[in-house]
C-alpha atoms as a PDB file:
ATOM      1  CA  MET A   1      20.230   1.946 -16.549  1.00  0.00           C
ATOM      2  CA  PRO A   2      18.042   1.013 -13.568  1.00  0.00           C
ATOM      3  CA  PRO A   3      16.566  -2.485 -13.661  1.00  0.00           C
ATOM      4  CA  PRO A   4      13.015  -3.075 -14.914  1.00  0.00           C
ATOM      5  CA  ALA A   5      10.265  -4.111 -12.533  1.00  0.00           C
ATOM      6  CA  VAL A   6       7.245  -6.379 -12.436  1.00  0.00           C
ATOM      7  CA  LEU A   7       4.096  -5.859 -10.356  1.00  0.00           C
ATOM      8  CA  TYR A   8       2.168  -8.915  -9.116  1.00  0.00           C
ATOM      9  CA  VAL A   9      -1.501  -8.468  -8.176  1.00  0.00           C
ATOM     10  CA  GLU A  10      -4.209 -10.937  -7.192  1.00  0.00           C
ATOM     11  CA  GLY A  11      -6.686 -10.186  -9.970  1.00  0.00           C
ATOM     12  CA  PRO A  12      -7.664  -7.835 -12.814  1.00  0.00           C
ATOM     13  CA  ARG A  13      -9.795  -5.696 -10.485  1.00  0.00           C
ATOM     14  CA  ASP A  14      -6.801  -5.090  -8.208  1.00  0.00           C
ATOM     15  CA  ALA A  15      -4.763  -3.988 -11.212  1.00  0.00           C
ATOM     16  CA  ASP A  16      -7.575  -1.667 -12.318  1.00  0.00           C
ATOM     17  CA  ILE A  17      -7.831  -0.105  -8.847  1.00  0.00           C
ATOM     18  CA  LEU A  18      -4.070   0.430  -8.581  1.00  0.00           C
ATOM     19  CA  GLU A  19      -3.963   2.000 -12.028  1.00  0.00           C
ATOM     20  CA  GLY A  20      -6.826   4.317 -11.049  1.00  0.00           C
ATOM     21  CA  TRP A  21      -5.054   5.474  -7.904  1.00  0.00           C
ATOM     22  CA  ALA A  22      -1.810   5.929  -9.821  1.00  0.00           C
ATOM     23  CA  ARG A  23      -3.620   8.160 -12.303  1.00  0.00           C
ATOM     24  CA  ALA A  24      -4.526  10.513  -9.438  1.00  0.00           C
ATOM     25  CA  VAL A  25      -0.797  11.080  -8.987  1.00  0.00           C
ATOM     26  CA  SER A  26       0.708  10.716 -12.456  1.00  0.00           C
ATOM     27  CA  VAL A  27      -0.502   9.611 -15.882  1.00  0.00           C
ATOM     28  CA  SER A  28       2.911   8.094 -16.585  1.00  0.00           C
ATOM     29  CA  LEU A  29       2.772   6.104 -13.345  1.00  0.00           C
ATOM     30  CA  ALA A  30      -0.698   4.802 -14.269  1.00  0.00           C
ATOM     31  CA  ARG A  31       0.637   3.676 -17.645  1.00  0.00           C
ATOM     32  CA  ALA A  32       3.630   1.990 -16.006  1.00  0.00           C
ATOM     33  CA  VAL A  33       1.380   0.167 -13.517  1.00  0.00           C
ATOM     34  CA  ARG A  34      -0.811  -1.123 -16.341  1.00  0.00           C
ATOM     35  CA  GLU A  35       2.190  -2.351 -18.340  1.00  0.00           C
ATOM     36  CA  ALA A  36       3.943  -3.975 -15.374  1.00  0.00           C
ATOM     37  CA  ALA A  37       0.930  -5.769 -13.863  1.00  0.00           C
ATOM     38  CA  VAL A  38       0.954  -9.563 -13.800  1.00  0.00           C
ATOM     39  CA  ILE A  39      -2.237 -11.285 -12.633  1.00  0.00           C
ATOM     40  CA  LEU A  40      -1.744 -14.156 -10.168  1.00  0.00           C
ATOM     41  CA  GLY A  41      -5.320 -15.425 -10.084  1.00  0.00           C
ATOM     42  CA  GLY A  42      -5.611 -15.195  -6.303  1.00  0.00           C
ATOM     43  CA  ARG A  43      -3.555 -14.589  -3.194  1.00  0.00           C
ATOM     44  CA  GLN A  44      -0.664 -16.719  -4.401  1.00  0.00           C
ATOM     45  CA  LEU A  45       2.687 -15.465  -3.162  1.00  0.00           C
ATOM     46  CA  ALA A  46       4.378 -18.784  -3.941  1.00  0.00           C
ATOM     47  CA  ARG A  47       3.275 -18.482  -7.560  1.00  0.00           C
ATOM     48  CA  ALA A  48       4.627 -14.930  -7.744  1.00  0.00           C
ATOM     49  CA  ALA A  49       7.941 -16.003  -6.211  1.00  0.00           C
ATOM     50  CA  ALA A  50       8.343 -18.909  -8.630  1.00  0.00           C
ATOM     51  CA  HIS A  51       7.463 -16.733 -11.621  1.00  0.00           C
ATOM     52  CA  PHE A  52       9.780 -13.946 -10.472  1.00  0.00           C
ATOM     53  CA  GLU A  53      12.663 -16.349  -9.873  1.00  0.00           C
ATOM     54  CA  ALA A  54      12.336 -17.687 -13.422  1.00  0.00           C
ATOM     55  CA  ALA A  55      12.020 -14.204 -14.918  1.00  0.00           C
ATOM     56  CA  SER A  56      14.969 -12.777 -12.986  1.00  0.00           C
ATOM     57  CA  ALA A  57      17.199 -15.633 -14.169  1.00  0.00           C
ATOM     58  CA  SER A  58      17.050 -14.171 -17.668  1.00  0.00           C
ATOM     59  CA  GLN A  59      16.868 -10.539 -16.523  1.00  0.00           C
ATOM     60  CA  PRO A  60      19.578  -9.879 -13.917  1.00  0.00           C
ATOM     61  CA  GLY A  61      18.680  -7.068 -11.562  1.00  0.00           C
ATOM     62  CA  LEU A  62      14.942  -7.463 -12.104  1.00  0.00           C
ATOM     63  CA  ARG A  63      12.843  -5.924  -9.311  1.00  0.00           C
ATOM     64  CA  GLY A  64       9.428  -7.141  -8.265  1.00  0.00           C
ATOM     65  CA  LEU A  65       6.586  -6.070  -5.995  1.00  0.00           C
ATOM     66  CA  CYS A  66       3.744  -8.393  -4.980  1.00  0.00           C
ATOM     67  CA  VAL A  67       0.633  -6.637  -3.613  1.00  0.00           C
ATOM     68  CA  LEU A  68      -1.706  -8.820  -1.540  1.00  0.00           C
ATOM     69  CA  ASP A  69      -4.866  -8.458   0.531  1.00  0.00           C
ATOM     70  CA  ARG A  70      -4.598  -9.227   4.233  1.00  0.00           C
ATOM     71  CA  ASP A  71      -7.612 -11.532   3.770  1.00  0.00           C
ATOM     72  CA  GLY A  72      -8.081 -13.953   6.660  1.00  0.00           C
ATOM     73  CA  GLY A  73      -5.983 -11.837   9.013  1.00  0.00           C
ATOM     74  CA  VAL A  74      -2.700 -13.397   7.916  1.00  0.00           C
ATOM     75  CA  GLU A  75       0.026 -11.211   6.485  1.00  0.00           C
ATOM     76  CA  ALA A  76       2.030 -12.769   3.683  1.00  0.00           C
ATOM     77  CA  THR A  77       5.751 -12.838   4.240  1.00  0.00           C
ATOM     78  CA  GLY A  78       8.679 -14.257   2.413  1.00  0.00           C
ATOM     79  CA  GLY A  79       9.140 -13.891  -1.296  1.00  0.00           C
ATOM     80  CA  THR A  80      12.530 -14.219  -2.904  1.00  0.00           C
ATOM     81  CA  ASP A  81      15.561 -12.029  -3.543  1.00  0.00           C
ATOM     82  CA  GLY A  82      14.499  -8.937  -5.437  1.00  0.00           C
ATOM     83  CA  LEU A  83      10.780  -9.534  -4.835  1.00  0.00           C
ATOM     84  CA  GLU A  84       9.175  -7.251  -2.255  1.00  0.00           C
ATOM     85  CA  VAL A  85       5.873  -8.237  -0.664  1.00  0.00           C
ATOM     86  CA  PHE A  86       3.321  -5.574   0.252  1.00  0.00           C
ATOM     87  CA  THR A  87       0.261  -6.557   2.308  1.00  0.00           C
ATOM     88  CA  TRP A  88      -2.557  -4.078   2.894  1.00  0.00           C
ATOM     89  CA  SER A  89      -3.165  -3.261   6.546  1.00  0.00           C
ATOM     90  CA  ARG A  90      -6.902  -3.479   5.856  1.00  0.00           C
ATOM     91  CA  ARG A  91      -8.601  -6.730   4.854  1.00  0.00           C
ATOM     92  CA  HIS A  92      -9.165  -5.923   1.166  1.00  0.00           C
ATOM     93  CA  ILE A  93      -7.898  -3.394  -1.362  1.00  0.00           C
ATOM     94  CA  GLU A  94     -11.546  -2.328  -1.781  1.00  0.00           C
ATOM     95  CA  SER A  95     -11.488  -1.069   1.831  1.00  0.00           C
ATOM     96  CA  TYR A  96      -9.632   2.011   0.597  1.00  0.00           C
ATOM     97  CA  LEU A  97     -12.447   2.975  -1.787  1.00  0.00           C
ATOM     98  CA  LEU A  98     -14.965   3.801   0.948  1.00  0.00           C
ATOM     99  CA  VAL A  99     -14.917   7.529   0.166  1.00  0.00           C
ATOM    100  CA  PRO A 100     -18.475   8.839  -0.361  1.00  0.00           C
ATOM    101  CA  ALA A 101     -17.457  11.795  -2.539  1.00  0.00           C
ATOM    102  CA  ALA A 102     -15.383   9.587  -4.847  1.00  0.00           C
ATOM    103  CA  ILE A 103     -18.189   7.028  -5.226  1.00  0.00           C
ATOM    104  CA  HIS A 104     -20.591   9.894  -5.926  1.00  0.00           C
ATOM    105  CA  ARG A 105     -18.297  11.296  -8.638  1.00  0.00           C
ATOM    106  CA  ALA A 106     -17.675   7.861 -10.132  1.00  0.00           C
ATOM    107  CA  LEU A 107     -21.410   7.316 -10.564  1.00  0.00           C
ATOM    108  CA  ARG A 108     -21.930  10.891 -11.834  1.00  0.00           C
ATOM    109  CA  LEU A 109     -24.826  11.404  -9.469  1.00  0.00           C
ATOM    110  CA  PRO A 110     -26.526  14.800  -9.114  1.00  0.00           C
ATOM    111  CA  GLU A 111     -24.943  17.051  -6.508  1.00  0.00           C
ATOM    112  CA  HIS A 112     -27.989  16.936  -4.234  1.00  0.00           C
ATOM    113  CA  ASP A 113     -28.168  13.104  -4.253  1.00  0.00           C
ATOM    114  CA  GLY A 114     -27.298  11.937  -0.742  1.00  0.00           C
ATOM    115  CA  ARG A 115     -27.885   8.208  -1.234  1.00  0.00           C
ATOM    116  CA  VAL A 116     -24.219   7.175  -1.248  1.00  0.00           C
ATOM    117  CA  SER A 117     -23.469   8.748   2.134  1.00  0.00           C
ATOM    118  CA  ARG A 118     -26.714   7.376   3.540  1.00  0.00           C
ATOM    119  CA  LEU A 119     -26.008   3.831   2.320  1.00  0.00           C
ATOM    120  CA  LEU A 120     -22.438   3.870   3.636  1.00  0.00           C
ATOM    121  CA  ARG A 121     -23.693   5.033   7.049  1.00  0.00           C
ATOM    122  CA  GLN A 122     -26.228   2.212   6.961  1.00  0.00           C
ATOM    123  CA  HIS A 123     -23.783  -0.565   6.103  1.00  0.00           C
ATOM    124  CA  LEU A 124     -20.525   0.548   7.704  1.00  0.00           C
ATOM    125  CA  PRO A 125     -20.039  -0.051  11.431  1.00  0.00           C
ATOM    126  CA  SER A 126     -21.045   3.041  13.389  1.00  0.00           C
ATOM    127  CA  GLN A 127     -18.097   5.370  14.029  1.00  0.00           C
ATOM    128  CA  ALA A 128     -15.909   3.099  11.899  1.00  0.00           C
ATOM    129  CA  SER A 129     -12.376   3.460  13.185  1.00  0.00           C
ATOM    130  CA  GLU A 130      -9.247   2.281  11.426  1.00  0.00           C
ATOM    131  CA  SER A 131      -9.175  -0.808  13.627  1.00  0.00           C
ATOM    132  CA  THR A 132     -12.784  -1.587  12.641  1.00  0.00           C
ATOM    133  CA  LEU A 133     -12.128  -1.040   8.929  1.00  0.00           C
ATOM    134  CA  ARG A 134      -9.111  -3.327   9.198  1.00  0.00           C
ATOM    135  CA  ASP A 135     -11.422  -6.367   9.257  1.00  0.00           C
ATOM    136  CA  PHE A 136     -14.451  -5.003   7.393  1.00  0.00           C
ATOM    137  CA  ASP A 137     -15.585  -6.899   4.265  1.00  0.00           C
ATOM    138  CA  ALA A 138     -15.521  -4.023   1.778  1.00  0.00           C
ATOM    139  CA  LYS A 139     -15.240  -6.437  -1.140  1.00  0.00           C
ATOM    140  CA  ARG A 140     -18.793  -7.661  -0.458  1.00  0.00           C
ATOM    141  CA  LEU A 141     -20.105  -4.151   0.215  1.00  0.00           C
ATOM    142  CA  LEU A 142     -18.761  -2.749  -3.069  1.00  0.00           C
ATOM    143  CA  ALA A 143     -19.484  -5.805  -5.212  1.00  0.00           C
ATOM    144  CA  GLU A 144     -21.153  -5.140  -8.576  1.00  0.00           C
ATOM    145  CA  SER A 145     -24.441  -6.408  -7.131  1.00  0.00           C
ATOM    146  CA  GLY A 146     -23.658  -5.764  -3.445  1.00  0.00           C
ATOM    147  CA  PRO A 147     -25.675  -3.720  -0.903  1.00  0.00           C
ATOM    148  CA  ILE A 148     -24.523  -0.310  -2.174  1.00  0.00           C
ATOM    149  CA  ALA A 149     -25.188  -1.197  -5.824  1.00  0.00           C
ATOM    150  CA  ARG A 150     -28.630  -2.566  -4.941  1.00  0.00           C
ATOM    151  CA  GLY A 151     -29.460   0.520  -2.909  1.00  0.00           C
ATOM    152  CA  LEU A 152     -28.475   2.802  -5.798  1.00  0.00           C
ATOM    153  CA  GLY A 153     -30.012   0.648  -8.496  1.00  0.00           C
ATOM    154  CA  GLN A 154     -26.789   0.554 -10.507  1.00  0.00           C
ATOM    155  CA  ARG A 155     -23.604  -1.468 -10.570  1.00  0.00           C
ATOM    156  CA  LEU A 156     -20.402  -0.232  -8.985  1.00  0.00           C
ATOM    157  CA  ALA A 157     -17.019  -0.402 -10.709  1.00  0.00           C
ATOM    158  CA  PRO A 158     -14.188  -0.278  -8.125  1.00  0.00           C
ATOM    159  CA  GLY A 159     -11.675   0.809 -10.761  1.00  0.00           C
ATOM    160  CA  ARG A 160     -13.866   3.758 -11.700  1.00  0.00           C
ATOM    161  CA  ILE A 161     -14.131   4.770  -8.029  1.00  0.00           C
ATOM    162  CA  ALA A 162     -10.335   4.653  -7.756  1.00  0.00           C
ATOM    163  CA  ARG A 163      -9.994   6.871 -10.846  1.00  0.00           C
ATOM    164  CA  ALA A 164     -12.458   9.346  -9.328  1.00  0.00           C
ATOM    165  CA  MET A 165     -10.420   9.726  -6.141  1.00  0.00           C
ATOM    166  CA  ARG A 166      -8.314  12.831  -5.582  1.00  0.00           C
ATOM    167  CA  PRO A 167      -4.798  12.776  -4.094  1.00  0.00           C
ATOM    168  CA  GLU A 168      -6.028  14.167  -0.775  1.00  0.00           C
ATOM    169  CA  GLU A 169      -8.598  11.346  -0.535  1.00  0.00           C
ATOM    170  CA  LEU A 170      -6.007   8.575  -0.764  1.00  0.00           C
ATOM    171  CA  HIS A 171      -5.338   6.656   2.455  1.00  0.00           C
ATOM    172  CA  ALA A 172      -1.757   6.707   3.801  1.00  0.00           C
ATOM    173  CA  ASP A 173      -1.395   3.019   2.874  1.00  0.00           C
ATOM    174  CA  VAL A 174      -2.267   3.827  -0.744  1.00  0.00           C
ATOM    175  CA  SER A 175       0.016   6.847  -0.906  1.00  0.00           C
ATOM    176  CA  GLY A 176       2.859   4.803   0.550  1.00  0.00           C
ATOM    177  CA  LEU A 177       2.428   2.055  -2.035  1.00  0.00           C
ATOM    178  CA  LEU A 178       2.262   4.584  -4.867  1.00  0.00           C
ATOM    179  CA  ARG A 179       5.597   6.012  -3.727  1.00  0.00           C
ATOM    180  CA  ARG A 180       7.127   2.537  -3.884  1.00  0.00           C
ATOM    181  CA  LEU A 181       5.636   1.932  -7.308  1.00  0.00           C
ATOM    182  CA  ARG A 182       6.956   5.251  -8.578  1.00  0.00           C
ATOM    183  CA  GLU A 183      10.436   4.344  -7.346  1.00  0.00           C
ATOM    184  CA  ALA A 184      10.282   0.882  -8.934  1.00  0.00           C
ATOM    185  CA  LEU A 185       8.602   1.750 -12.205  1.00  0.00           C
ATOM    186  CA  LEU A 186       9.615   5.312 -12.985  1.00  0.00           C
ATOM    187  CA  ALA A 187      13.303   5.320 -12.099  1.00  0.00           C
ATOM    188  CA  PRO A 188      15.324   7.568 -14.432  1.00  0.00           C
ATOM    189  CA  GLU A 189      15.620   6.032 -17.875  1.00  0.00           C
ATOM    190  CA  ALA A 190      14.085   2.765 -16.634  1.00  0.00           C
ATOM    191  CA  VAL A 191      12.542   0.506 -19.201  1.00  0.00           C
ATOM    192  CA  VAL A 192       9.449  -1.000 -17.596  1.00  0.00           C
ATOM    193  CA  THR A 193       8.841  -4.550 -18.743  1.00  0.00           C
ATOM    194  CA  SER A 194       6.540  -7.246 -17.529  1.00  0.00           C
ATOM    195  CA  ALA A 195       6.736 -10.985 -18.009  1.00  0.00           C
ATOM    196  CA  THR A 196       4.098 -12.426 -20.276  1.00  0.00           C
ATOM    197  CA  ALA A 197       3.100 -15.468 -18.238  1.00  0.00           C
ATOM    198  CA  PHE A 198       0.105 -15.074 -15.930  1.00  0.00           C
ATOM    199  CA  ARG A 199      -0.922 -11.815 -17.576  1.00  0.00           C
ATOM    200  CA  ARG A 200      -4.597 -10.909 -17.777  1.00  0.00           C
ATOM    201  CA  ARG A 201      -6.664 -13.652 -19.290  1.00  0.00           C
END
């Protein structure tokens, strides 16, 4: 029987976004992501490593994946045996939600409503390339009361945007991570477990 796995994320919103993206690929993967997620309470690789080391002592063969923002331009490295570290190439996980059609669907706006595209054009750097988006503060832009929410007159829910995205709208970084999660969490006959410490509070 393949070993179980644990998924470390910075916060509840990250877990919600990952579950939403997973749902675009597989309902069973979305369920596995939700069950395996352990909330770190910030970009705390050392905390994940310490927790994983303790958990793997009682569960030989345990696998772990720690997903972190690249916030501050520094990529997290290290970890411990059995714990893989994944750092987004863009600054924040929210950077991968900047898909006008998905935001439009998430908010259930009328088909003719062009405000989302107009607001994104207004606030995103002109001709935003991948290198530009790498350092863009999408977390602020998509905040519940951020510029897009204010412009639309309603709050945004990043997890809902992720659930509204279609497979073809997922960035290569997201698709690559989902493949790794599928391998870790949906291995044949795997029993997905997650440690109880640091879970959502």
